[in-house]
Each structure stands twice: as C-alpha cells, then as structure tokens.
Amino acid sequence: MLIRAGLWLAGLLAAAAPGFAAGQASEQSVRAALVFNFIKFTEWPATTVGEAQLRVCVATNDPAQIAAIEALNNRRVRDKTLVALRFRRQADCGVIYVDSPQHWKEIAERQVPGHALTVGGYAGFVADGGMIEIALQEGNVRFDINLLETKRAGLRIYPQLLRLARRIAE
C-alpha cells in the first residue's frame, strides 16, 4: 500500500513537473507541482462555485519559486483557471504559498487566509497554523496536513491526499 501511494505521488509530480521523474526538476518546480496537486485534491466552499479563477498567491522573495508557481498560470482545475500572482493584502487568494515564518506571520496577523488553502515551504508551518507543509529532504517529498485549519477555512481535503501525508494534525 505504501509503495503504491509513493508511486501515485511520483506520478502526480511527474504530470505537473515533467523533469521531476527524471530527477531534473528544481526544488522550486517540485514545490509548484505539489501546490498544483494540492489544489486538485481540495474542495472549496460552495460560496466559490461559479468563480472562473482561482488565485494562487505567492509570498516569497525567491524569483525561481515565483517563476515556478507562475508557470501554473492558465492551468485548469475542474471549472477554474489558475492565476498566479505575488501576495498582496487586498488580493482575493484561493491559495497562498509561503516560504518563511516571517511571511507567514505577516499574513496570519492580518487574518488574510479566509477560505484560502495555505501551503508552506518551511519546517514548522503546520505547527504555526498553516494547512499543508512541504518537506523536501534528501530527494524525498513529504508533506504534513493540519486538518483542523482546513476545516476552519471550510476546505475539504480529499482522502487520496490525506492517505499520502506524512502526518495529519487534527
């Protein structure tokens, strides 16, 4: 079962970041591929039905990470077109990618997330109140999910994704 789950995740990554399967994708591309797949396996509240776009906001100073997530522009997930942009307080974000505790603190203090899926690329993100924490260690891709925070935001994480998580905080 664990092997099948690992192969399934590798397949998801290969589909979103083709170089990953061959070991050629950058860390930033892998993170962007994970964000894309997290979106595919998340359901937003009914209040967002009918909206044509899902904004993926990026809170990072890493130009390579910004470019990798911007590569998701115009990709479609269900009935939504993804639009990647730099995080701004007034932006209506459906997803927020954060790369540091400092960025997360600024966002969390403003109580911006709302119904946004929050994804962090630093250790301790889930403990800090984020929803999904990405950990890339020695070529392995792992992620943790804070199920309590996703439920508070009115989001539903599909069971297929939950089964692949390294840890689930409830």
Protein backbone atom coordinates (compact mmCIF):
# COMPACT_ATOMS: atom_id res chain seq x y z
CA MET A 1 0.00 0.00 0.00
CA LEU A 2 2.80 2.43 0.93
CA ILE A 3 4.67 1.65 -2.29
CA ARG A 4 1.52 2.22 -4.33
CA ALA A 5 0.95 5.58 -2.58
CA GLY A 6 4.57 6.58 -3.27
CA LEU A 7 4.20 5.68 -6.93
CA TRP A 8 0.92 7.57 -7.09
CA LEU A 9 2.59 10.71 -5.67
CA ALA A 10 5.52 10.33 -8.06
CA GLY A 11 3.03 10.09 -10.92
CA LEU A 12 1.28 13.26 -9.77
CA LEU A 13 4.58 15.09 -9.59
CA ALA A 14 5.70 13.80 -12.96
CA ALA A 15 2.49 15.04 -14.55
CA ALA A 16 2.83 18.52 -13.07
CA ALA A 17 6.64 18.81 -13.24
CA PRO A 18 7.83 16.55 -16.05
CA GLY A 19 11.53 16.79 -15.14
CA PHE A 20 10.87 15.54 -11.61
CA ALA A 21 10.50 11.91 -12.69
CA ALA A 22 13.94 12.01 -14.26
CA GLY A 23 15.43 13.89 -11.30
CA GLN A 24 15.87 17.05 -13.39
CA ALA A 25 13.27 19.34 -11.84
CA SER A 26 14.38 22.07 -9.49
CA GLU A 27 13.19 22.16 -5.90
CA GLN A 28 11.02 25.15 -6.83
CA SER A 29 9.37 23.21 -9.68
CA VAL A 30 8.64 20.31 -7.34
CA ARG A 31 7.04 22.70 -4.84
CA ALA A 32 4.93 24.25 -7.61
CA ALA A 33 3.88 20.78 -8.77
CA LEU A 34 2.85 19.92 -5.23
CA VAL A 35 0.83 23.13 -4.95
CA PHE A 36 -0.93 22.24 -8.21
CA ASN A 37 -1.75 18.76 -6.95
CA PHE A 38 -2.90 20.03 -3.56
CA ILE A 39 -5.33 22.26 -5.46
CA LYS A 40 -6.59 19.27 -7.45
CA PHE A 41 -7.35 17.37 -4.24
CA THR A 42 -9.00 20.21 -2.32
CA GLU A 43 -12.62 21.30 -2.40
CA TRP A 44 -13.53 24.91 -1.61
CA PRO A 45 -16.81 26.01 -0.02
CA ALA A 46 -19.93 26.31 -2.16
CA THR A 47 -19.60 30.11 -1.99
CA THR A 48 -16.77 29.91 -4.54
CA VAL A 49 -18.78 27.90 -7.09
CA GLY A 50 -19.17 29.79 -10.33
CA GLU A 51 -15.98 31.82 -9.93
CA ALA A 52 -13.93 31.40 -13.08
CA GLN A 53 -10.50 31.90 -11.49
CA LEU A 54 -8.58 30.55 -8.54
CA ARG A 55 -5.82 32.94 -7.47
CA VAL A 56 -2.60 31.33 -6.29
CA CYS A 57 -0.78 33.99 -4.27
CA VAL A 58 2.95 33.66 -3.64
CA ALA A 59 4.61 35.15 -0.54
CA THR A 60 8.31 34.64 -1.22
CA ASN A 61 11.37 36.62 -2.28
CA ASP A 62 12.74 33.68 -4.30
CA PRO A 63 12.47 34.60 -8.01
CA ALA A 64 12.82 30.93 -9.04
CA GLN A 65 9.88 29.95 -6.78
CA ILE A 66 7.79 32.81 -8.11
CA ALA A 67 8.54 31.74 -11.69
CA ALA A 68 7.76 28.08 -10.93
CA ILE A 69 4.36 28.94 -9.47
CA GLU A 70 3.68 31.45 -12.24
CA ALA A 71 4.11 28.52 -14.64
CA LEU A 72 0.76 27.31 -13.26
CA ASN A 73 -0.97 30.30 -14.91
CA ASN A 74 -3.89 29.30 -17.13
CA ARG A 75 -3.82 25.66 -15.98
CA ARG A 76 -7.32 24.41 -15.25
CA VAL A 77 -8.55 22.52 -12.22
CA ARG A 78 -12.15 21.46 -12.52
CA ASP A 79 -14.06 24.62 -13.54
CA LYS A 80 -11.35 27.12 -12.53
CA THR A 81 -8.41 28.71 -14.31
CA LEU A 82 -5.37 29.23 -12.10
CA VAL A 83 -3.92 32.72 -11.89
CA ALA A 84 -0.61 33.09 -10.05
CA LEU A 85 0.40 36.42 -8.54
CA ARG A 86 2.53 37.94 -5.81
CA PHE A 87 0.74 38.08 -2.48
CA ARG A 88 -0.88 41.42 -1.73
CA ARG A 89 -3.13 42.09 1.20
CA GLN A 90 -6.07 43.10 -0.96
CA ALA A 91 -5.79 40.07 -3.25
CA ASP A 92 -8.60 37.53 -3.06
CA CYS A 93 -6.42 34.43 -2.79
CA GLY A 94 -7.75 30.89 -3.09
CA VAL A 95 -4.29 29.50 -2.34
CA ILE A 96 -1.39 31.15 -0.52
CA TYR A 97 2.15 29.74 -0.83
CA VAL A 98 4.50 30.95 1.94
CA ASP A 99 8.22 30.24 2.16
CA SER A 100 9.21 31.63 5.55
CA PRO A 101 7.95 32.15 9.10
CA GLN A 102 8.30 35.91 8.60
CA HIS A 103 5.99 35.94 5.57
CA TRP A 104 3.51 33.65 7.33
CA LYS A 105 3.47 35.84 10.46
CA GLU A 106 2.63 38.90 8.35
CA ILE A 107 -0.21 37.06 6.62
CA ALA A 108 -1.60 35.36 9.74
CA GLU A 109 -1.55 38.61 11.75
CA ARG A 110 -3.76 40.23 9.13
CA GLN A 111 -6.10 37.23 9.28
CA VAL A 112 -5.96 37.14 5.49
CA PRO A 113 -6.30 33.40 4.73
CA GLY A 114 -10.13 33.13 4.97
CA HIS A 115 -11.06 30.30 2.61
CA ALA A 116 -7.54 30.13 1.17
CA LEU A 117 -5.60 26.89 1.15
CA THR A 118 -2.29 27.76 2.81
CA VAL A 119 0.84 25.88 1.77
CA GLY A 120 4.20 26.43 3.42
CA GLY A 121 7.66 25.56 2.27
CA TYR A 122 9.38 25.78 5.65
CA ALA A 123 9.68 23.42 8.62
CA GLY A 124 7.12 24.15 11.31
CA PHE A 125 4.47 25.67 9.02
CA VAL A 126 1.71 23.31 10.19
CA ALA A 127 2.63 23.97 13.84
CA ASP A 128 2.39 27.71 13.07
CA GLY A 129 -1.24 27.27 11.95
CA GLY A 130 -0.71 26.64 8.23
CA MET A 131 -2.59 23.90 6.38
CA ILE A 132 -0.05 21.96 4.31
CA GLU A 133 3.69 21.90 4.95
CA ILE A 134 6.03 20.69 2.21
CA ALA A 135 9.25 18.95 3.25
CA LEU A 136 11.85 18.05 0.63
CA GLN A 137 14.64 16.06 2.24
CA GLU A 138 17.37 14.08 0.53
CA GLY A 139 15.33 13.64 -2.64
CA ASN A 140 12.18 12.62 -0.76
CA VAL A 141 8.94 14.55 -0.96
CA ARG A 142 6.86 14.65 2.20
CA PHE A 143 4.04 16.82 3.42
CA ASP A 144 2.05 17.31 6.58
CA ILE A 145 -1.57 18.45 6.79
CA ASN A 146 -3.26 20.49 9.51
CA LEU A 147 -6.79 19.13 9.12
CA LEU A 148 -8.18 21.38 11.85
CA GLU A 149 -7.13 24.52 9.95
CA THR A 150 -8.52 23.24 6.64
CA LYS A 151 -11.87 22.56 8.30
CA ARG A 152 -11.88 26.02 9.94
CA ALA A 153 -11.44 27.53 6.49
CA GLY A 154 -14.30 25.45 5.10
CA LEU A 155 -11.99 23.42 2.86
CA ARG A 156 -12.19 19.68 2.29
CA ILE A 157 -9.02 17.71 1.56
CA TYR A 158 -9.76 14.59 -0.48
CA PRO A 159 -8.97 11.27 1.22
CA GLN A 160 -6.49 10.33 -1.54
CA LEU A 161 -4.28 13.23 -0.47
CA LEU A 162 -4.75 12.57 3.24
CA ARG A 163 -3.50 9.00 2.77
CA LEU A 164 -0.23 10.30 1.32
CA ALA A 165 0.51 12.77 4.12
CA ARG A 166 3.40 12.05 6.41
CA ARG A 167 1.48 13.49 9.36
CA ILE A 168 -2.04 14.80 9.90
CA ALA A 169 -2.67 17.23 12.74
CA GLU A 170 -6.25 17.30 13.93
